[in-house]
C-alpha atoms as a PDB file:
ATOM      1  CA  MET A   1     -38.049  -6.781 -93.831  1.00  0.00           C
ATOM      2  CA  GLN A   2     -41.663  -5.944 -93.021  1.00  0.00           C
ATOM      3  CA  ASN A   3     -42.898  -8.923 -95.037  1.00  0.00           C
ATOM      4  CA  SER A   4     -40.605 -11.259 -93.076  1.00  0.00           C
ATOM      5  CA  MET A   5     -41.842  -9.783 -89.803  1.00  0.00           C
ATOM      6  CA  ARG A   6     -45.472 -10.142 -90.876  1.00  0.00           C
ATOM      7  CA  ILE A   7     -44.908 -13.834 -91.739  1.00  0.00           C
ATOM      8  CA  ARG A   8     -43.378 -14.453 -88.290  1.00  0.00           C
ATOM      9  CA  ILE A   9     -46.305 -12.749 -86.558  1.00  0.00           C
ATOM     10  CA  ASP A  10     -48.802 -14.769 -88.610  1.00  0.00           C
ATOM     11  CA  ARG A  11     -46.996 -18.005 -87.717  1.00  0.00           C
ATOM     12  CA  PHE A  12     -46.959 -17.010 -84.041  1.00  0.00           C
ATOM     13  CA  ARG A  13     -50.679 -16.266 -84.092  1.00  0.00           C
ATOM     14  CA  LYS A  14     -51.444 -19.585 -85.776  1.00  0.00           C
ATOM     15  CA  GLY A  15     -49.289 -21.440 -83.238  1.00  0.00           C
ATOM     16  CA  ALA A  16     -50.936 -19.639 -80.330  1.00  0.00           C
ATOM     17  CA  PHE A  17     -54.380 -20.417 -81.756  1.00  0.00           C
ATOM     18  CA  VAL A  18     -53.532 -24.113 -82.156  1.00  0.00           C
ATOM     19  CA  LEU A  19     -52.147 -24.250 -78.610  1.00  0.00           C
ATOM     20  CA  ALA A  20     -55.248 -22.540 -77.183  1.00  0.00           C
ATOM     21  CA  LEU A  21     -57.524 -24.902 -79.097  1.00  0.00           C
ATOM     22  CA  PHE A  22     -55.568 -27.912 -77.841  1.00  0.00           C
ATOM     23  CA  LEU A  23     -55.827 -26.725 -74.226  1.00  0.00           C
ATOM     24  CA  ILE A  24     -59.562 -26.143 -74.531  1.00  0.00           C
ATOM     25  CA  LEU A  25     -60.141 -29.595 -76.021  1.00  0.00           C
ATOM     26  CA  ALA A  26     -57.962 -31.236 -73.364  1.00  0.00           C
ATOM     27  CA  SER A  27     -59.968 -29.494 -70.617  1.00  0.00           C
ATOM     28  CA  VAL A  28     -63.284 -30.615 -72.104  1.00  0.00           C
ATOM     29  CA  GLN A  29     -62.015 -34.183 -72.438  1.00  0.00           C
ATOM     30  CA  ALA A  30     -60.900 -34.245 -68.797  1.00  0.00           C
ATOM     31  CA  VAL A  31     -64.344 -33.096 -67.636  1.00  0.00           C
ATOM     32  CA  LEU A  32     -66.130 -35.624 -69.835  1.00  0.00           C
ATOM     33  CA  ALA A  33     -63.808 -38.444 -68.769  1.00  0.00           C
ATOM     34  CA  HIS A  34     -65.139 -38.104 -65.242  1.00  0.00           C
ATOM     35  CA  GLY A  35     -68.706 -38.008 -66.541  1.00  0.00           C
ATOM     36  CA  GLY A  36     -69.557 -35.170 -64.207  1.00  0.00           C
ATOM     37  CA  ALA A  37     -68.362 -37.207 -61.237  1.00  0.00           C
ATOM     38  CA  GLU A  38     -67.279 -35.520 -58.053  1.00  0.00           C
ATOM     39  CA  HIS A  39     -64.502 -36.877 -55.863  1.00  0.00           C
ATOM     40  CA  VAL A  40     -64.800 -36.896 -52.093  1.00  0.00           C
ATOM     41  CA  MET A  41     -61.604 -37.763 -50.225  1.00  0.00           C
ATOM     42  CA  GLY A  42     -61.132 -37.947 -46.498  1.00  0.00           C
ATOM     43  CA  THR A  43     -61.862 -39.977 -43.391  1.00  0.00           C
ATOM     44  CA  VAL A  44     -65.151 -41.730 -42.626  1.00  0.00           C
ATOM     45  CA  SER A  45     -66.759 -40.123 -39.571  1.00  0.00           C
ATOM     46  CA  LYS A  46     -70.136 -41.908 -39.746  1.00  0.00           C
ATOM     47  CA  VAL A  47     -71.511 -44.806 -41.783  1.00  0.00           C
ATOM     48  CA  SER A  48     -74.898 -46.481 -42.245  1.00  0.00           C
ATOM     49  CA  ALA A  49     -76.452 -48.699 -44.903  1.00  0.00           C
ATOM     50  CA  GLN A  50     -77.777 -45.619 -46.729  1.00  0.00           C
ATOM     51  CA  ASN A  51     -75.035 -43.001 -46.224  1.00  0.00           C
ATOM     52  CA  VAL A  52     -71.407 -42.381 -45.435  1.00  0.00           C
ATOM     53  CA  THR A  53     -70.229 -39.148 -43.863  1.00  0.00           C
ATOM     54  CA  VAL A  54     -66.685 -38.056 -44.709  1.00  0.00           C
ATOM     55  CA  GLU A  55     -64.519 -35.394 -43.149  1.00  0.00           C
ATOM     56  CA  THR A  56     -62.563 -34.176 -46.149  1.00  0.00           C
ATOM     57  CA  THR A  57     -58.904 -33.259 -46.183  1.00  0.00           C
ATOM     58  CA  ASP A  58     -59.902 -29.577 -45.908  1.00  0.00           C
ATOM     59  CA  LYS A  59     -62.094 -30.319 -42.828  1.00  0.00           C
ATOM     60  CA  LYS A  60     -65.484 -30.146 -44.575  1.00  0.00           C
ATOM     61  CA  VAL A  61     -68.140 -32.702 -43.643  1.00  0.00           C
ATOM     62  CA  VAL A  62     -69.774 -34.319 -46.687  1.00  0.00           C
ATOM     63  CA  GLU A  63     -72.598 -36.863 -46.649  1.00  0.00           C
ATOM     64  CA  VAL A  64     -72.740 -39.248 -49.615  1.00  0.00           C
ATOM     65  CA  GLY A  65     -75.604 -41.624 -50.325  1.00  0.00           C
ATOM     66  CA  LEU A  66     -74.969 -45.330 -50.906  1.00  0.00           C
ATOM     67  CA  THR A  67     -77.025 -47.584 -53.196  1.00  0.00           C
ATOM     68  CA  SER A  68     -77.098 -51.218 -54.224  1.00  0.00           C
ATOM     69  CA  LYS A  69     -75.099 -50.156 -57.315  1.00  0.00           C
ATOM     70  CA  THR A  70     -72.253 -48.606 -55.296  1.00  0.00           C
ATOM     71  CA  THR A  71     -69.024 -50.607 -55.630  1.00  0.00           C
ATOM     72  CA  TYR A  72     -66.469 -50.988 -52.842  1.00  0.00           C
ATOM     73  CA  THR A  73     -62.767 -51.787 -53.196  1.00  0.00           C
ATOM     74  CA  ARG A  74     -59.634 -51.901 -51.058  1.00  0.00           C
ATOM     75  CA  ASN A  75     -56.287 -52.272 -52.847  1.00  0.00           C
ATOM     76  CA  ASP A  76     -58.180 -52.868 -56.125  1.00  0.00           C
ATOM     77  CA  LYS A  77     -59.992 -55.898 -54.625  1.00  0.00           C
ATOM     78  CA  LYS A  78     -63.759 -55.969 -54.137  1.00  0.00           C
ATOM     79  CA  VAL A  79     -64.968 -55.691 -50.557  1.00  0.00           C
ATOM     80  CA  ALA A  80     -68.419 -55.532 -48.979  1.00  0.00           C
ATOM     81  CA  ALA A  81     -70.274 -52.383 -48.005  1.00  0.00           C
ATOM     82  CA  THR A  82     -70.032 -53.560 -44.401  1.00  0.00           C
ATOM     83  CA  ASP A  83     -66.230 -53.244 -44.625  1.00  0.00           C
ATOM     84  CA  VAL A  84     -66.558 -49.436 -44.527  1.00  0.00           C
ATOM     85  CA  LYS A  85     -65.757 -48.378 -40.954  1.00  0.00           C
ATOM     86  CA  VAL A  86     -65.422 -45.108 -39.075  1.00  0.00           C
ATOM     87  CA  GLY A  87     -61.796 -44.014 -39.358  1.00  0.00           C
ATOM     88  CA  ASP A  88     -61.268 -45.501 -42.844  1.00  0.00           C
ATOM     89  CA  ARG A  89     -59.719 -43.215 -45.391  1.00  0.00           C
ATOM     90  CA  VAL A  90     -61.814 -43.160 -48.553  1.00  0.00           C
ATOM     91  CA  MET A  91     -61.888 -41.801 -52.063  1.00  0.00           C
ATOM     92  CA  ILE A  92     -65.475 -41.709 -53.281  1.00  0.00           C
ATOM     93  CA  GLU A  93     -66.554 -41.066 -56.839  1.00  0.00           C
ATOM     94  CA  ALA A  94     -70.085 -39.689 -56.708  1.00  0.00           C
ATOM     95  CA  LYS A  95     -72.698 -38.002 -58.861  1.00  0.00           C
ATOM     96  CA  GLU A  96     -75.289 -35.465 -57.882  1.00  0.00           C
ATOM     97  CA  VAL A  97     -78.795 -36.940 -57.944  1.00  0.00           C
ATOM     98  CA  ASN A  98     -81.711 -34.758 -56.839  1.00  0.00           C
ATOM     99  CA  GLU A  99     -79.289 -32.287 -55.214  1.00  0.00           C
ATOM    100  CA  LYS A 100     -77.600 -35.039 -53.178  1.00  0.00           C
ATOM    101  CA  LEU A 101     -74.297 -36.826 -53.779  1.00  0.00           C
ATOM    102  CA  VAL A 102     -74.662 -40.551 -54.465  1.00  0.00           C
ATOM    103  CA  ALA A 103     -71.597 -42.817 -54.581  1.00  0.00           C
ATOM    104  CA  ASP A 104     -70.741 -44.786 -57.707  1.00  0.00           C
ATOM    105  CA  SER A 105     -67.615 -46.204 -56.078  1.00  0.00           C
ATOM    106  CA  VAL A 106     -65.927 -46.184 -52.693  1.00  0.00           C
ATOM    107  CA  LYS A 107     -62.207 -46.935 -52.547  1.00  0.00           C
ATOM    108  CA  LEU A 108     -61.034 -47.756 -49.045  1.00  0.00           C
ATOM    109  CA  GLY A 109     -57.550 -47.010 -47.777  1.00  0.00           C
ATOM    110  CA  VAL A 110     -55.959 -47.655 -44.424  1.00  0.00           C
ATOM    111  CA  THR A 111     -57.683 -46.458 -41.285  1.00  0.00           C
ATOM    112  CA  ALA A 112     -56.451 -43.188 -39.835  1.00  0.00           C
ATOM    113  CA  SER A 113     -55.237 -44.921 -36.663  1.00  0.00           C
ATOM    114  CA  LYS A 114     -53.336 -47.581 -38.632  1.00  0.00           C
ATOM    115  CA  SER A 115     -51.780 -44.889 -40.797  1.00  0.00           C
ATOM    116  CA  ALA A 116     -50.619 -42.908 -37.770  1.00  0.00           C
ATOM    117  CA  SER A 117     -49.105 -45.970 -36.109  1.00  0.00           C
ATOM    118  CA  ALA A 118     -47.347 -46.891 -39.373  1.00  0.00           C
ATOM    119  CA  GLU A 119     -45.835 -43.385 -39.504  1.00  0.00           C
ATOM    120  CA  HIS A 120     -44.501 -43.713 -35.955  1.00  0.00           C
ATOM    121  CA  SER A 121     -42.965 -47.115 -36.634  1.00  0.00           C
ATOM    122  CA  HIS A 122     -40.948 -45.666 -39.542  1.00  0.00           C
ATOM    123  CA  LYS A 123     -39.403 -42.887 -37.438  1.00  0.00           C
END
């Protein structure tokens, strides 16, 4: 009886170890998949050729630098940097460079005012 119980405990420990290892590896892979990128989501409150300021969904104000390498899309189609307007909803993938966020990509959504009017038309 004790031998049977010991075998079950050993199997449980091995299973728990394998599960823990899997979860650790999955977490590391998720971090590496983003390449250390940080996501900034919210509404554009200010925009210039060098920076975009975003009010995030949790009401923080974040300034993100823009470069000639930054890509811009709306509905998976390329758009110009000049298409970014105050009020646009954005999802920015950025990296920290010299203690400042710099955008790799800016994905534009609908403007906040268009979104609000669309909500009212569906009610």
